[in-house]
Amino acid sequence: DATPGSADQRQVMAVFEQEGKSYTVPIGSLQG
């Protein structure tokens, strides 16, 4: 997903569910 405030970096996010809703937590980055 896009990294807030950065045009050349993306966040690697783990998607999980909790109480019927979806959430993400950052687990890495992608750049260049």
PDB file of all heavy atoms in Angstrom:
ATOM      1  N   ASP A   1       0.857  -1.178   0.000  1.00  0.00           N
ATOM      2  CA  ASP A   1       0.000   0.000   0.000  1.00  0.00           C
ATOM      3  C   ASP A   1       0.896   1.233   0.000  1.00  0.00           C
ATOM      4  O   ASP A   1       2.057   1.169   0.418  1.00  0.00           O
ATOM      5  CB  ASP A   1      -0.897  -0.005   1.243  1.00  0.00           C
ATOM      6  CG  ASP A   1      -2.216   0.715   1.029  1.00  0.00           C
ATOM      7  OD1 ASP A   1      -2.297   1.561   0.126  1.00  0.00           O
ATOM      8  OD2 ASP A   1      -3.166   0.422   1.779  1.00  0.00           O
ATOM      9  N   ALA A   2       0.359   2.339  -0.481  1.00  0.00           N
ATOM     10  CA  ALA A   2       1.125   3.584  -0.548  1.00  0.00           C
ATOM     11  C   ALA A   2       1.593   3.995   0.843  1.00  0.00           C
ATOM     12  O   ALA A   2       0.851   3.882   1.807  1.00  0.00           O
ATOM     13  CB  ALA A   2       0.270   4.684  -1.156  1.00  0.00           C
ATOM     14  N   THR A   3       2.829   4.468   0.931  1.00  0.00           N
ATOM     15  CA  THR A   3       3.345   5.001   2.179  1.00  0.00           C
ATOM     16  C   THR A   3       2.951   6.469   2.265  1.00  0.00           C
ATOM     17  O   THR A   3       3.271   7.241   1.359  1.00  0.00           O
ATOM     18  CB  THR A   3       4.884   4.873   2.238  1.00  0.00           C
ATOM     19  OG1 THR A   3       5.231   3.495   2.163  1.00  0.00           O
ATOM     20  CG2 THR A   3       5.444   5.476   3.510  1.00  0.00           C
ATOM     21  N   PRO A   4       2.256   6.854   3.337  1.00  0.00           N
ATOM     22  CA  PRO A   4       1.873   8.265   3.444  1.00  0.00           C
ATOM     23  C   PRO A   4       3.096   9.181   3.385  1.00  0.00           C
ATOM     24  O   PRO A   4       4.097   8.937   4.062  1.00  0.00           O
ATOM     25  CB  PRO A   4       1.201   8.352   4.813  1.00  0.00           C
ATOM     26  CG  PRO A   4       0.770   6.956   5.124  1.00  0.00           C
ATOM     27  CD  PRO A   4       1.781   6.062   4.456  1.00  0.00           C
ATOM     28  N   GLY A   5       3.011  10.199   2.543  1.00  0.00           N
ATOM     29  CA  GLY A   5       4.086  11.187   2.443  1.00  0.00           C
ATOM     30  C   GLY A   5       5.298  10.758   1.646  1.00  0.00           C
ATOM     31  O   GLY A   5       6.304  11.452   1.619  1.00  0.00           O
ATOM     32  N   SER A   6       5.246   9.598   0.986  1.00  0.00           N
ATOM     33  CA  SER A   6       6.387   9.126   0.199  1.00  0.00           C
ATOM     34  C   SER A   6       5.921   8.719  -1.192  1.00  0.00           C
ATOM     35  O   SER A   6       5.030   7.876  -1.323  1.00  0.00           O
ATOM     36  CB  SER A   6       7.065   7.944   0.888  1.00  0.00           C
ATOM     37  OG  SER A   6       8.127   7.455   0.085  1.00  0.00           O
ATOM     38  N   ALA A   7       6.552   9.289  -2.199  1.00  0.00           N
ATOM     39  CA  ALA A   7       6.188   8.969  -3.586  1.00  0.00           C
ATOM     40  C   ALA A   7       6.896   7.724  -4.101  1.00  0.00           C
ATOM     41  O   ALA A   7       6.443   7.099  -5.055  1.00  0.00           O
ATOM     42  CB  ALA A   7       6.513  10.156  -4.494  1.00  0.00           C
ATOM     43  N   ASP A   8       8.015   7.336  -3.461  1.00  0.00           N
ATOM     44  CA  ASP A   8       8.807   6.230  -4.010  1.00  0.00           C
ATOM     45  C   ASP A   8       8.894   5.011  -3.084  1.00  0.00           C
ATOM     46  O   ASP A   8       9.694   4.117  -3.318  1.00  0.00           O
ATOM     47  CB  ASP A   8      10.212   6.717  -4.354  1.00  0.00           C
ATOM     48  CG  ASP A   8      11.026   7.125  -3.134  1.00  0.00           C
ATOM     49  OD1 ASP A   8      10.422   7.411  -2.088  1.00  0.00           O
ATOM     50  OD2 ASP A   8      12.263   7.131  -3.237  1.00  0.00           O
ATOM     51  N   GLN A   9       8.072   4.966  -2.057  1.00  0.00           N
ATOM     52  CA  GLN A   9       8.104   3.826  -1.141  1.00  0.00           C
ATOM     53  C   GLN A   9       6.686   3.321  -0.910  1.00  0.00           C
ATOM     54  O   GLN A   9       5.742   4.093  -0.883  1.00  0.00           O
ATOM     55  CB  GLN A   9       8.718   4.217   0.203  1.00  0.00           C
ATOM     56  CG  GLN A   9       8.775   3.062   1.185  1.00  0.00           C
ATOM     57  CD  GLN A   9       9.431   3.457   2.498  1.00  0.00           C
ATOM     58  OE1 GLN A   9      10.342   4.257   2.525  1.00  0.00           O
ATOM     59  NE2 GLN A   9       8.973   2.881   3.581  1.00  0.00           N
ATOM     60  N   ARG A  10       6.564   2.004  -0.754  1.00  0.00           N
ATOM     61  CA  ARG A  10       5.294   1.371  -0.406  1.00  0.00           C
ATOM     62  C   ARG A  10       5.488   0.581   0.872  1.00  0.00           C
ATOM     63  O   ARG A  10       6.590   0.131   1.158  1.00  0.00           O
ATOM     64  CB  ARG A  10       4.802   0.474  -1.542  1.00  0.00           C
ATOM     65  CG  ARG A  10       4.471   1.282  -2.803  1.00  0.00           C
ATOM     66  CD  ARG A  10       3.885   0.454  -3.913  1.00  0.00           C
ATOM     67  NE  ARG A  10       2.613  -0.176  -3.619  1.00  0.00           N
ATOM     68  CZ  ARG A  10       1.423   0.438  -3.644  1.00  0.00           C
ATOM     69  NH1 ARG A  10       1.346   1.717  -3.922  1.00  0.00           N
ATOM     70  NH2 ARG A  10       0.311  -0.234  -3.407  1.00  0.00           N
ATOM     71  N   GLN A  11       4.418   0.425   1.629  1.00  0.00           N
ATOM     72  CA  GLN A  11       4.437  -0.383   2.839  1.00  0.00           C
ATOM     73  C   GLN A  11       3.986  -1.798   2.503  1.00  0.00           C
ATOM     74  O   GLN A  11       3.067  -1.987   1.705  1.00  0.00           O
ATOM     75  CB  GLN A  11       3.480   0.190   3.892  1.00  0.00           C
ATOM     76  CG  GLN A  11       3.893   1.531   4.434  1.00  0.00           C
ATOM     77  CD  GLN A  11       5.106   1.413   5.319  1.00  0.00           C
ATOM     78  OE1 GLN A  11       5.152   0.606   6.238  1.00  0.00           O
ATOM     79  NE2 GLN A  11       6.108   2.210   5.029  1.00  0.00           N
ATOM     80  N   VAL A  12       4.608  -2.781   3.114  1.00  0.00           N
ATOM     81  CA  VAL A  12       4.137  -4.154   3.048  1.00  0.00           C
ATOM     82  C   VAL A  12       3.271  -4.350   4.283  1.00  0.00           C
ATOM     83  O   VAL A  12       3.723  -4.121   5.410  1.00  0.00           O
ATOM     84  CB  VAL A  12       5.301  -5.163   3.010  1.00  0.00           C
ATOM     85  CG1 VAL A  12       4.773  -6.593   2.992  1.00  0.00           C
ATOM     86  CG2 VAL A  12       6.200  -4.899   1.806  1.00  0.00           C
ATOM     87  N   MET A  13       2.019  -4.747   4.070  1.00  0.00           N
ATOM     88  CA  MET A  13       1.032  -4.792   5.132  1.00  0.00           C
ATOM     89  C   MET A  13       0.461  -6.207   5.284  1.00  0.00           C
ATOM     90  O   MET A  13       0.118  -6.850   4.290  1.00  0.00           O
ATOM     91  CB  MET A  13      -0.129  -3.833   4.819  1.00  0.00           C
ATOM     92  CG  MET A  13       0.286  -2.412   4.449  1.00  0.00           C
ATOM     93  SD  MET A  13       1.056  -1.499   5.787  1.00  0.00           S
ATOM     94  CE  MET A  13      -0.346  -1.231   6.866  1.00  0.00           C
ATOM     95  N   ALA A  14       0.361  -6.665   6.525  1.00  0.00           N
ATOM     96  CA  ALA A  14      -0.305  -7.931   6.822  1.00  0.00           C
ATOM     97  C   ALA A  14      -1.766  -7.625   7.120  1.00  0.00           C
ATOM     98  O   ALA A  14      -2.080  -6.776   7.960  1.00  0.00           O
ATOM     99  CB  ALA A  14       0.350  -8.603   8.020  1.00  0.00           C
ATOM    100  N   VAL A  15      -2.666  -8.300   6.418  1.00  0.00           N
ATOM    101  CA  VAL A  15      -4.107  -8.109   6.573  1.00  0.00           C
ATOM    102  C   VAL A  15      -4.624  -9.166   7.549  1.00  0.00           C
ATOM    103  O   VAL A  15      -4.331 -10.351   7.401  1.00  0.00           O
ATOM    104  CB  VAL A  15      -4.839  -8.253   5.221  1.00  0.00           C
ATOM    105  CG1 VAL A  15      -6.340  -8.072   5.393  1.00  0.00           C
ATOM    106  CG2 VAL A  15      -4.273  -7.288   4.183  1.00  0.00           C
ATOM    107  N   PHE A  16      -5.399  -8.716   8.545  1.00  0.00           N
ATOM    108  CA  PHE A  16      -6.026  -9.641   9.476  1.00  0.00           C
ATOM    109  C   PHE A  16      -7.420  -9.131   9.813  1.00  0.00           C
ATOM    110  O   PHE A  16      -7.760  -7.983   9.538  1.00  0.00           O
ATOM    111  CB  PHE A  16      -5.178  -9.824  10.746  1.00  0.00           C
ATOM    112  CG  PHE A  16      -5.040  -8.594  11.603  1.00  0.00           C
ATOM    113  CD1 PHE A  16      -5.858  -8.397  12.710  1.00  0.00           C
ATOM    114  CD2 PHE A  16      -4.093  -7.620  11.311  1.00  0.00           C
ATOM    115  CE1 PHE A  16      -5.743  -7.264  13.506  1.00  0.00           C
ATOM    116  CE2 PHE A  16      -3.963  -6.482  12.095  1.00  0.00           C
ATOM    117  CZ  PHE A  16      -4.792  -6.300  13.197  1.00  0.00           C
ATOM    118  N   GLU A  17      -8.220 -10.009  10.402  1.00  0.00           N
ATOM    119  CA  GLU A  17      -9.575  -9.634  10.802  1.00  0.00           C
ATOM    120  C   GLU A  17      -9.683  -9.700  12.314  1.00  0.00           C
ATOM    121  O   GLU A  17      -9.043 -10.545  12.961  1.00  0.00           O
ATOM    122  CB  GLU A  17     -10.606 -10.556  10.158  1.00  0.00           C
ATOM    123  CG  GLU A  17     -10.701 -10.367   8.664  1.00  0.00           C
ATOM    124  CD  GLU A  17     -11.704 -11.302   8.003  1.00  0.00           C
ATOM    125  OE1 GLU A  17     -12.313 -12.142   8.708  1.00  0.00           O
ATOM    126  OE2 GLU A  17     -11.867 -11.206   6.782  1.00  0.00           O
ATOM    127  N   GLN A  18     -10.506  -8.788  12.830  1.00  0.00           N
ATOM    128  CA  GLN A  18     -10.746  -8.751  14.265  1.00  0.00           C
ATOM    129  C   GLN A  18     -12.165  -8.231  14.455  1.00  0.00           C
ATOM    130  O   GLN A  18     -12.505  -7.178  13.907  1.00  0.00           O
ATOM    131  CB  GLN A  18      -9.723  -7.810  14.913  1.00  0.00           C
ATOM    132  CG  GLN A  18      -9.766  -7.750  16.413  1.00  0.00           C
ATOM    133  CD  GLN A  18      -8.564  -7.001  16.935  1.00  0.00           C
ATOM    134  OE1 GLN A  18      -7.499  -7.566  17.063  1.00  0.00           O
ATOM    135  NE2 GLN A  18      -8.737  -5.726  17.231  1.00  0.00           N
ATOM    136  N   GLU A  19     -12.972  -8.991  15.170  1.00  0.00           N
ATOM    137  CA  GLU A  19     -14.363  -8.613  15.424  1.00  0.00           C
ATOM    138  C   GLU A  19     -15.109  -8.273  14.134  1.00  0.00           C
ATOM    139  O   GLU A  19     -15.853  -7.296  14.061  1.00  0.00           O
ATOM    140  CB  GLU A  19     -14.427  -7.471  16.435  1.00  0.00           C
ATOM    141  CG  GLU A  19     -13.850  -7.857  17.786  1.00  0.00           C
ATOM    142  CD  GLU A  19     -13.802  -6.703  18.783  1.00  0.00           C
ATOM    143  OE1 GLU A  19     -14.240  -5.578  18.441  1.00  0.00           O
ATOM    144  OE2 GLU A  19     -13.324  -6.935  19.896  1.00  0.00           O
ATOM    145  N   GLY A  20     -14.858  -9.067  13.091  1.00  0.00           N
ATOM    146  CA  GLY A  20     -15.570  -8.920  11.830  1.00  0.00           C
ATOM    147  C   GLY A  20     -15.102  -7.787  10.934  1.00  0.00           C
ATOM    148  O   GLY A  20     -15.703  -7.532   9.900  1.00  0.00           O
ATOM    149  N   LYS A  21     -14.022  -7.099  11.317  1.00  0.00           N
ATOM    150  CA  LYS A  21     -13.500  -6.001  10.510  1.00  0.00           C
ATOM    151  C   LYS A  21     -12.085  -6.334  10.046  1.00  0.00           C
ATOM    152  O   LYS A  21     -11.370  -7.082  10.711  1.00  0.00           O
ATOM    153  CB  LYS A  21     -13.491  -4.702  11.306  1.00  0.00           C
ATOM    154  CG  LYS A  21     -14.887  -4.241  11.698  1.00  0.00           C
ATOM    155  CD  LYS A  21     -14.826  -2.961  12.483  1.00  0.00           C
ATOM    156  CE  LYS A  21     -16.225  -2.535  12.902  1.00  0.00           C
ATOM    157  NZ  LYS A  21     -16.202  -1.359  13.757  1.00  0.00           N
ATOM    158  N   SER A  22     -11.694  -5.730   8.924  1.00  0.00           N
ATOM    159  CA  SER A  22     -10.354  -5.958   8.373  1.00  0.00           C
ATOM    160  C   SER A  22      -9.411  -4.840   8.790  1.00  0.00           C
ATOM    161  O   SER A  22      -9.789  -3.665   8.815  1.00  0.00           O
ATOM    162  CB  SER A  22     -10.415  -6.016   6.846  1.00  0.00           C
ATOM    163  OG  SER A  22     -11.143  -7.139   6.424  1.00  0.00           O
ATOM    164  N   TYR A  23      -8.181  -5.252   9.102  1.00  0.00           N
ATOM    165  CA  TYR A  23      -7.137  -4.313   9.522  1.00  0.00           C
ATOM    166  C   TYR A  23      -5.823  -4.712   8.865  1.00  0.00           C
ATOM    167  O   TYR A  23      -5.665  -5.843   8.402  1.00  0.00           O
ATOM    168  CB  TYR A  23      -6.958  -4.339  11.043  1.00  0.00           C
ATOM    169  CG  TYR A  23      -8.192  -3.948  11.797  1.00  0.00           C
ATOM    170  CD1 TYR A  23      -9.054  -4.911  12.309  1.00  0.00           C
ATOM    171  CD2 TYR A  23      -8.510  -2.610  11.992  1.00  0.00           C
ATOM    172  CE1 TYR A  23     -10.197  -4.547  12.994  1.00  0.00           C
ATOM    173  CE2 TYR A  23      -9.652  -2.238  12.682  1.00  0.00           C
ATOM    174  CZ  TYR A  23     -10.489  -3.210  13.178  1.00  0.00           C
ATOM    175  OH  TYR A  23     -11.625  -2.855  13.854  1.00  0.00           O
ATOM    176  N   THR A  24      -4.881  -3.760   8.861  1.00  0.00           N
ATOM    177  CA  THR A  24      -3.529  -4.067   8.407  1.00  0.00           C
ATOM    178  C   THR A  24      -2.532  -3.548   9.431  1.00  0.00           C
ATOM    179  O   THR A  24      -2.784  -2.586  10.158  1.00  0.00           O
ATOM    180  CB  THR A  24      -3.207  -3.413   7.040  1.00  0.00           C
ATOM    181  OG1 THR A  24      -3.383  -2.002   7.130  1.00  0.00           O
ATOM    182  CG2 THR A  24      -4.044  -3.991   5.930  1.00  0.00           C
ATOM    183  N   VAL A  25      -1.378  -4.220   9.452  1.00  0.00           N
ATOM    184  CA  VAL A  25      -0.252  -3.791  10.265  1.00  0.00           C
ATOM    185  C   VAL A  25       0.984  -3.835   9.367  1.00  0.00           C
ATOM    186  O   VAL A  25       1.164  -4.781   8.600  1.00  0.00           O
ATOM    187  CB  VAL A  25      -0.088  -4.671  11.530  1.00  0.00           C
ATOM    188  CG1 VAL A  25       0.195  -6.133  11.192  1.00  0.00           C
ATOM    189  CG2 VAL A  25       0.968  -4.120  12.465  1.00  0.00           C
ATOM    190  N   PRO A  26       1.820  -2.790   9.416  1.00  0.00           N
ATOM    191  CA  PRO A  26       3.024  -2.793   8.574  1.00  0.00           C
ATOM    192  C   PRO A  26       4.006  -3.889   8.995  1.00  0.00           C
ATOM    193  O   PRO A  26       4.279  -4.053  10.183  1.00  0.00           O
ATOM    194  CB  PRO A  26       3.643  -1.411   8.804  1.00  0.00           C
ATOM    195  CG  PRO A  26       2.584  -0.582   9.449  1.00  0.00           C
ATOM    196  CD  PRO A  26       1.686  -1.537  10.161  1.00  0.00           C
ATOM    197  N   ILE A  27       4.519  -4.631   8.000  1.00  0.00           N
ATOM    198  CA  ILE A  27       5.517  -5.665   8.282  1.00  0.00           C
ATOM    199  C   ILE A  27       6.740  -5.522   7.380  1.00  0.00           C
ATOM    200  O   ILE A  27       7.602  -6.393   7.364  1.00  0.00           O
ATOM    201  CB  ILE A  27       4.930  -7.087   8.153  1.00  0.00           C
ATOM    202  CG1 ILE A  27       4.421  -7.347   6.731  1.00  0.00           C
ATOM    203  CG2 ILE A  27       3.842  -7.328   9.190  1.00  0.00           C
ATOM    204  CD1 ILE A  27       4.169  -8.806   6.426  1.00  0.00           C
ATOM    205  N   GLY A  28       6.802  -4.426   6.632  1.00  0.00           N
ATOM    206  CA  GLY A  28       7.944  -4.233   5.753  1.00  0.00           C
ATOM    207  C   GLY A  28       7.732  -3.052   4.826  1.00  0.00           C
ATOM    208  O   GLY A  28       6.760  -2.307   4.948  1.00  0.00           O
ATOM    209  N   SER A  29       8.672  -2.904   3.899  1.00  0.00           N
ATOM    210  CA  SER A  29       8.582  -1.814   2.933  1.00  0.00           C
ATOM    211  C   SER A  29       9.129  -2.281   1.584  1.00  0.00           C
ATOM    212  O   SER A  29       9.852  -3.277   1.497  1.00  0.00           O
ATOM    213  CB  SER A  29       9.361  -0.587   3.426  1.00  0.00           C
ATOM    214  OG  SER A  29      10.724  -0.904   3.579  1.00  0.00           O
ATOM    215  N   LEU A  30       8.759  -1.530   0.560  1.00  0.00           N
ATOM    216  CA  LEU A  30       9.220  -1.778  -0.805  1.00  0.00           C
ATOM    217  C   LEU A  30       9.693  -0.440  -1.358  1.00  0.00           C
ATOM    218  O   LEU A  30       8.934   0.530  -1.385  1.00  0.00           O
ATOM    219  CB  LEU A  30       8.074  -2.330  -1.662  1.00  0.00           C
ATOM    220  CG  LEU A  30       8.293  -2.389  -3.172  1.00  0.00           C
ATOM    221  CD1 LEU A  30       9.454  -3.309  -3.530  1.00  0.00           C
ATOM    222  CD2 LEU A  30       7.009  -2.836  -3.868  1.00  0.00           C
ATOM    223  N   GLN A  31      10.959  -0.395  -1.761  1.00  0.00           N
ATOM    224  CA  GLN A  31      11.500   0.828  -2.337  1.00  0.00           C
ATOM    225  C   GLN A  31      12.513   0.450  -3.400  1.00  0.00           C
ATOM    226  O   GLN A  31      13.399  -0.375  -3.170  1.00  0.00           O
ATOM    227  CB  GLN A  31      12.159   1.685  -1.254  1.00  0.00           C
ATOM    228  CG  GLN A  31      12.559   3.056  -1.743  1.00  0.00           C
ATOM    229  CD  GLN A  31      12.923   3.989  -0.592  1.00  0.00           C
ATOM    230  OE1 GLN A  31      13.238   3.556   0.504  1.00  0.00           O
ATOM    231  NE2 GLN A  31      12.884   5.271  -0.859  1.00  0.00           N
ATOM    232  N   GLY A  32      12.363   1.048  -4.562  1.00  0.00           N
ATOM    233  CA  GLY A  32      13.285   0.777  -5.656  1.00  0.00           C
ATOM    234  C   GLY A  32      13.354  -0.686  -6.043  1.00  0.00           C
ATOM    235  O   GLY A  32      14.403  -1.192  -6.419  1.00  0.00           O
TER     236      GLY A  32
END
